[in-house]
C-alpha cells in the first residue's frame, strides 16, 4: 500500500481525529486530536467539533458542519479538510479500519492510487511503480525506505 502522497499535489490537509471514550445521559467523553479526554454536553463545541446527540450506543458529532456517528468501543473517525487550487473547501471523512489505519483511494496527476494516511507522518513515500503510474520521475527524488 502506498504511504501518504499528499506532497505530490498542491494542497494543505488539516485533520481532526475524534474518538468516543464514554457516554453519560446527554454527555459524551471525547478525545479530540489525541488530547486529554473531555466530557462534553450535547450542543457543546470544542474547536471544530460539536456534540450533536448522545444515546445508549454512541454519539453524533459534527466536524466542520458534517455529521459523523461514533460508536462506543468503535474506531475513531478522522475528518480531513483540504485547501488548494482544485480542492478548496472540500472535506473528506475517513473511518479507521479494524486495525485503526486510515486509507482511501485518490488520484495523483489523474492516476488512481491507494493512500495510506498517517497525519503524524514526518515523511511522504511512494514506490517506483506508483510514481511511474502518476507520471512522476522518481529518479529525481530523494531515495529512502518506508515500511
C-alpha atoms as a PDB file:
ATOM      1  CA  UNK A   1       0.000   0.000   0.000  1.00  0.00           C
ATOM      2  CA  UNK A   2       1.145   3.477  -0.726  1.00  0.00           C
ATOM      3  CA  UNK A   3       2.258   5.784   2.056  1.00  0.00           C
ATOM      4  CA  UNK A   4       0.614   9.188   2.133  1.00  0.00           C
ATOM      5  CA  UNK A   5       1.293  11.007  -1.154  1.00  0.00           C
ATOM      6  CA  UNK A   6      -0.136  14.370  -0.244  1.00  0.00           C
ATOM      7  CA  UNK A   7       3.021  16.304  -1.148  1.00  0.00           C
ATOM      8  CA  UNK A   8       2.605  15.305  -4.794  1.00  0.00           C
ATOM      9  CA  UNK A   9      -0.385  17.637  -5.201  1.00  0.00           C
ATOM     10  CA  UNK A  10      -0.661  21.332  -4.263  1.00  0.00           C
ATOM     11  CA  UNK A  11      -2.896  21.057  -1.179  1.00  0.00           C
ATOM     12  CA  UNK A  12      -2.689  21.501   2.553  1.00  0.00           C
ATOM     13  CA  UNK A  13      -4.575  18.972   4.656  1.00  0.00           C
ATOM     14  CA  UNK A  14      -5.952  19.685   8.085  1.00  0.00           C
ATOM     15  CA  UNK A  15      -7.267  16.704  10.014  1.00  0.00           C
ATOM     16  CA  UNK A  16      -9.484  16.320  13.035  1.00  0.00           C
ATOM     17  CA  UNK A  17      -9.321  12.977  14.838  1.00  0.00           C
ATOM     18  CA  UNK A  18     -12.220  12.190  17.225  1.00  0.00           C
ATOM     19  CA  UNK A  19     -12.655   9.099  19.412  1.00  0.00           C
ATOM     20  CA  UNK A  20     -15.556   8.281  21.769  1.00  0.00           C
ATOM     21  CA  UNK A  21     -14.349   7.115  25.176  1.00  0.00           C
ATOM     22  CA  UNK A  22     -17.503   7.173  27.313  1.00  0.00           C
ATOM     23  CA  UNK A  23     -21.214   8.041  27.498  1.00  0.00           C
ATOM     24  CA  UNK A  24     -23.437   9.661  30.103  1.00  0.00           C
ATOM     25  CA  UNK A  25     -27.029  10.923  29.730  1.00  0.00           C
ATOM     26  CA  UNK A  26     -26.706  13.970  27.474  1.00  0.00           C
ATOM     27  CA  UNK A  27     -22.906  13.849  27.580  1.00  0.00           C
ATOM     28  CA  UNK A  28     -20.004  12.093  25.890  1.00  0.00           C
ATOM     29  CA  UNK A  29     -16.322  11.773  26.701  1.00  0.00           C
ATOM     30  CA  UNK A  30     -14.372  12.569  23.532  1.00  0.00           C
ATOM     31  CA  UNK A  31     -10.682  12.563  22.697  1.00  0.00           C
ATOM     32  CA  UNK A  32     -10.035  15.181  20.034  1.00  0.00           C
ATOM     33  CA  UNK A  33      -6.743  15.177  18.126  1.00  0.00           C
ATOM     34  CA  UNK A  34      -5.066  12.978  20.733  1.00  0.00           C
ATOM     35  CA  UNK A  35      -5.681  15.460  23.563  1.00  0.00           C
ATOM     36  CA  UNK A  36      -6.913  14.707  27.055  1.00  0.00           C
ATOM     37  CA  UNK A  37     -10.391  13.164  27.316  1.00  0.00           C
ATOM     38  CA  UNK A  38     -13.040  15.898  27.528  1.00  0.00           C
ATOM     39  CA  UNK A  39     -16.594  15.489  28.796  1.00  0.00           C
ATOM     40  CA  UNK A  40     -18.909  17.447  26.503  1.00  0.00           C
ATOM     41  CA  UNK A  41     -22.641  18.136  26.769  1.00  0.00           C
ATOM     42  CA  UNK A  42     -24.955  17.937  23.753  1.00  0.00           C
ATOM     43  CA  UNK A  43     -24.648  21.230  21.859  1.00  0.00           C
ATOM     44  CA  UNK A  44     -21.185  21.996  23.232  1.00  0.00           C
ATOM     45  CA  UNK A  45     -18.400  22.899  20.790  1.00  0.00           C
ATOM     46  CA  UNK A  46     -14.691  22.188  21.182  1.00  0.00           C
ATOM     47  CA  UNK A  47     -12.626  23.623  18.320  1.00  0.00           C
ATOM     48  CA  UNK A  48     -14.361  22.484  15.114  1.00  0.00           C
ATOM     49  CA  UNK A  49     -16.163  19.562  16.837  1.00  0.00           C
ATOM     50  CA  UNK A  50     -19.748  19.888  18.094  1.00  0.00           C
ATOM     51  CA  UNK A  51     -21.514  17.170  20.094  1.00  0.00           C
ATOM     52  CA  UNK A  52     -24.908  16.846  18.392  1.00  0.00           C
ATOM     53  CA  UNK A  53     -26.548  13.816  20.027  1.00  0.00           C
ATOM     54  CA  UNK A  54     -25.915  11.032  22.531  1.00  0.00           C
ATOM     55  CA  UNK A  55     -27.738   7.741  23.010  1.00  0.00           C
ATOM     56  CA  UNK A  56     -27.001   4.404  24.721  1.00  0.00           C
ATOM     57  CA  UNK A  57     -24.826   3.107  21.884  1.00  0.00           C
ATOM     58  CA  UNK A  58     -22.886   6.131  20.704  1.00  0.00           C
ATOM     59  CA  UNK A  59     -22.731   9.791  19.849  1.00  0.00           C
ATOM     60  CA  UNK A  60     -23.136  12.008  16.827  1.00  0.00           C
ATOM     61  CA  UNK A  61     -20.593  14.754  16.323  1.00  0.00           C
ATOM     62  CA  UNK A  62     -20.413  17.476  13.730  1.00  0.00           C
ATOM     63  CA  UNK A  63     -16.974  18.268  12.346  1.00  0.00           C
ATOM     64  CA  UNK A  64     -16.758  21.354  10.161  1.00  0.00           C
ATOM     65  CA  UNK A  65     -20.519  21.135   9.533  1.00  0.00           C
ATOM     66  CA  UNK A  66     -20.638  17.410   8.635  1.00  0.00           C
ATOM     67  CA  UNK A  67     -22.274  14.874  10.949  1.00  0.00           C
ATOM     68  CA  UNK A  68     -20.387  11.717  11.927  1.00  0.00           C
ATOM     69  CA  UNK A  69     -21.537   8.805  14.078  1.00  0.00           C
ATOM     70  CA  UNK A  70     -19.218   7.400  16.752  1.00  0.00           C
ATOM     71  CA  UNK A  71     -19.970   4.034  18.348  1.00  0.00           C
ATOM     72  CA  UNK A  72     -18.874   3.292  21.875  1.00  0.00           C
ATOM     73  CA  UNK A  73     -15.899   0.958  21.568  1.00  0.00           C
ATOM     74  CA  UNK A  74     -15.708   1.633  17.824  1.00  0.00           C
ATOM     75  CA  UNK A  75     -12.923   3.086  15.754  1.00  0.00           C
ATOM     76  CA  UNK A  76     -12.200   6.817  15.806  1.00  0.00           C
ATOM     77  CA  UNK A  77     -13.183   8.957  12.861  1.00  0.00           C
ATOM     78  CA  UNK A  78     -10.980  11.432  11.102  1.00  0.00           C
ATOM     79  CA  UNK A  79     -12.157  14.356   9.002  1.00  0.00           C
ATOM     80  CA  UNK A  80      -9.806  15.976   6.502  1.00  0.00           C
ATOM     81  CA  UNK A  81     -10.370  19.428   5.104  1.00  0.00           C
ATOM     82  CA  UNK A  82      -8.334  20.216   2.010  1.00  0.00           C
ATOM     83  CA  UNK A  83      -7.418  23.688   0.842  1.00  0.00           C
ATOM     84  CA  UNK A  84      -5.863  24.090  -2.595  1.00  0.00           C
ATOM     85  CA  UNK A  85      -6.425  25.057  -6.191  1.00  0.00           C
ATOM     86  CA  UNK A  86      -8.949  22.332  -7.014  1.00  0.00           C
ATOM     87  CA  UNK A  87      -9.899  21.057  -3.561  1.00  0.00           C
ATOM     88  CA  UNK A  88     -10.672  24.350  -1.821  1.00  0.00           C
ATOM     89  CA  UNK A  89     -13.253  23.811   0.897  1.00  0.00           C
ATOM     90  CA  UNK A  90     -13.845  20.104   0.291  1.00  0.00           C
ATOM     91  CA  UNK A  91     -13.962  17.790   3.304  1.00  0.00           C
ATOM     92  CA  UNK A  92     -13.183  14.062   3.310  1.00  0.00           C
ATOM     93  CA  UNK A  93     -14.214  11.914   6.278  1.00  0.00           C
ATOM     94  CA  UNK A  94     -12.297   8.679   6.801  1.00  0.00           C
ATOM     95  CA  UNK A  95     -13.086   5.951   9.305  1.00  0.00           C
ATOM     96  CA  UNK A  96     -10.310   3.777  10.699  1.00  0.00           C
ATOM     97  CA  UNK A  97     -10.272   0.148   9.629  1.00  0.00           C
ATOM     98  CA  UNK A  98     -10.256  -2.738  12.115  1.00  0.00           C
ATOM     99  CA  UNK A  99      -6.533  -2.163  12.772  1.00  0.00           C
ATOM    100  CA  UNK A 100      -7.000   1.580  13.354  1.00  0.00           C
ATOM    101  CA  UNK A 101      -5.498   2.599   9.984  1.00  0.00           C
ATOM    102  CA  UNK A 102      -6.900   5.244   7.652  1.00  0.00           C
ATOM    103  CA  UNK A 103      -6.789   4.556   3.923  1.00  0.00           C
ATOM    104  CA  UNK A 104      -8.607   5.726   0.821  1.00  0.00           C
ATOM    105  CA  UNK A 105      -8.421   5.811  -2.957  1.00  0.00           C
ATOM    106  CA  UNK A 106      -7.441   9.062  -4.653  1.00  0.00           C
ATOM    107  CA  UNK A 107      -5.716  10.420  -7.715  1.00  0.00           C
ATOM    108  CA  UNK A 108      -2.312  11.896  -8.455  1.00  0.00           C
ATOM    109  CA  UNK A 109      -1.946  13.557 -11.857  1.00  0.00           C
ATOM    110  CA  UNK A 110      -5.103  11.708 -12.939  1.00  0.00           C
ATOM    111  CA  UNK A 111      -3.803   8.256 -11.911  1.00  0.00           C
ATOM    112  CA  UNK A 112      -5.884   6.297  -9.360  1.00  0.00           C
ATOM    113  CA  UNK A 113      -3.779   5.261  -6.354  1.00  0.00           C
ATOM    114  CA  UNK A 114      -4.302   3.914  -2.831  1.00  0.00           C
ATOM    115  CA  UNK A 115      -3.443   6.290   0.011  1.00  0.00           C
ATOM    116  CA  UNK A 116      -2.403   5.189   3.483  1.00  0.00           C
ATOM    117  CA  UNK A 117      -2.985   8.299   5.586  1.00  0.00           C
ATOM    118  CA  UNK A 118      -0.788   8.996   8.604  1.00  0.00           C
ATOM    119  CA  UNK A 119      -1.476  12.520   9.879  1.00  0.00           C
ATOM    120  CA  UNK A 120       1.527  12.341  12.189  1.00  0.00           C
ATOM    121  CA  UNK A 121       3.964  11.295   9.478  1.00  0.00           C
ATOM    122  CA  UNK A 122       7.206  13.187   9.053  1.00  0.00           C
ATOM    123  CA  UNK A 123       7.821  11.867   5.549  1.00  0.00           C
ATOM    124  CA  UNK A 124       5.830  11.052   2.443  1.00  0.00           C
ATOM    125  CA  UNK A 125       6.687   7.998   0.339  1.00  0.00           C
ATOM    126  CA  UNK A 126       5.628   6.127  -2.768  1.00  0.00           C
ATOM    127  CA  UNK A 127       7.012   3.185  -4.665  1.00  0.00           C
ATOM    128  CA  UNK A 128       8.532   3.441  -8.154  1.00  0.00           C
ATOM    129  CA  UNK A 129       5.531   1.743  -9.819  1.00  0.00           C
ATOM    130  CA  UNK A 130       3.101   4.269  -8.313  1.00  0.00           C
ATOM    131  CA  UNK A 131       5.359   7.163  -9.309  1.00  0.00           C
ATOM    132  CA  UNK A 132       5.530   5.866 -12.895  1.00  0.00           C
ATOM    133  CA  UNK A 133       1.739   5.414 -12.955  1.00  0.00           C
ATOM    134  CA  UNK A 134       1.312   9.039 -11.831  1.00  0.00           C
ATOM    135  CA  UNK A 135       3.864  10.337 -14.336  1.00  0.00           C
ATOM    136  CA  UNK A 136       6.381  11.344 -11.652  1.00  0.00           C
ATOM    137  CA  UNK A 137      10.083  10.951 -12.415  1.00  0.00           C
ATOM    138  CA  UNK A 138      11.034   9.392  -9.068  1.00  0.00           C
ATOM    139  CA  UNK A 139      14.705   9.203 -10.069  1.00  0.00           C
ATOM    140  CA  UNK A 140      14.949  12.955  -9.383  1.00  0.00           C
ATOM    141  CA  UNK A 141      13.571  12.492  -5.851  1.00  0.00           C
ATOM    142  CA  UNK A 142      15.295  11.541  -2.641  1.00  0.00           C
ATOM    143  CA  UNK A 143      15.771   7.795  -2.237  1.00  0.00           C
ATOM    144  CA  UNK A 144      14.703   6.185   1.023  1.00  0.00           C
ATOM    145  CA  UNK A 145      12.891   3.287   2.656  1.00  0.00           C
ATOM    146  CA  UNK A 146       9.442   3.089   4.252  1.00  0.00           C
ATOM    147  CA  UNK A 147       7.630   0.218   5.916  1.00  0.00           C
END
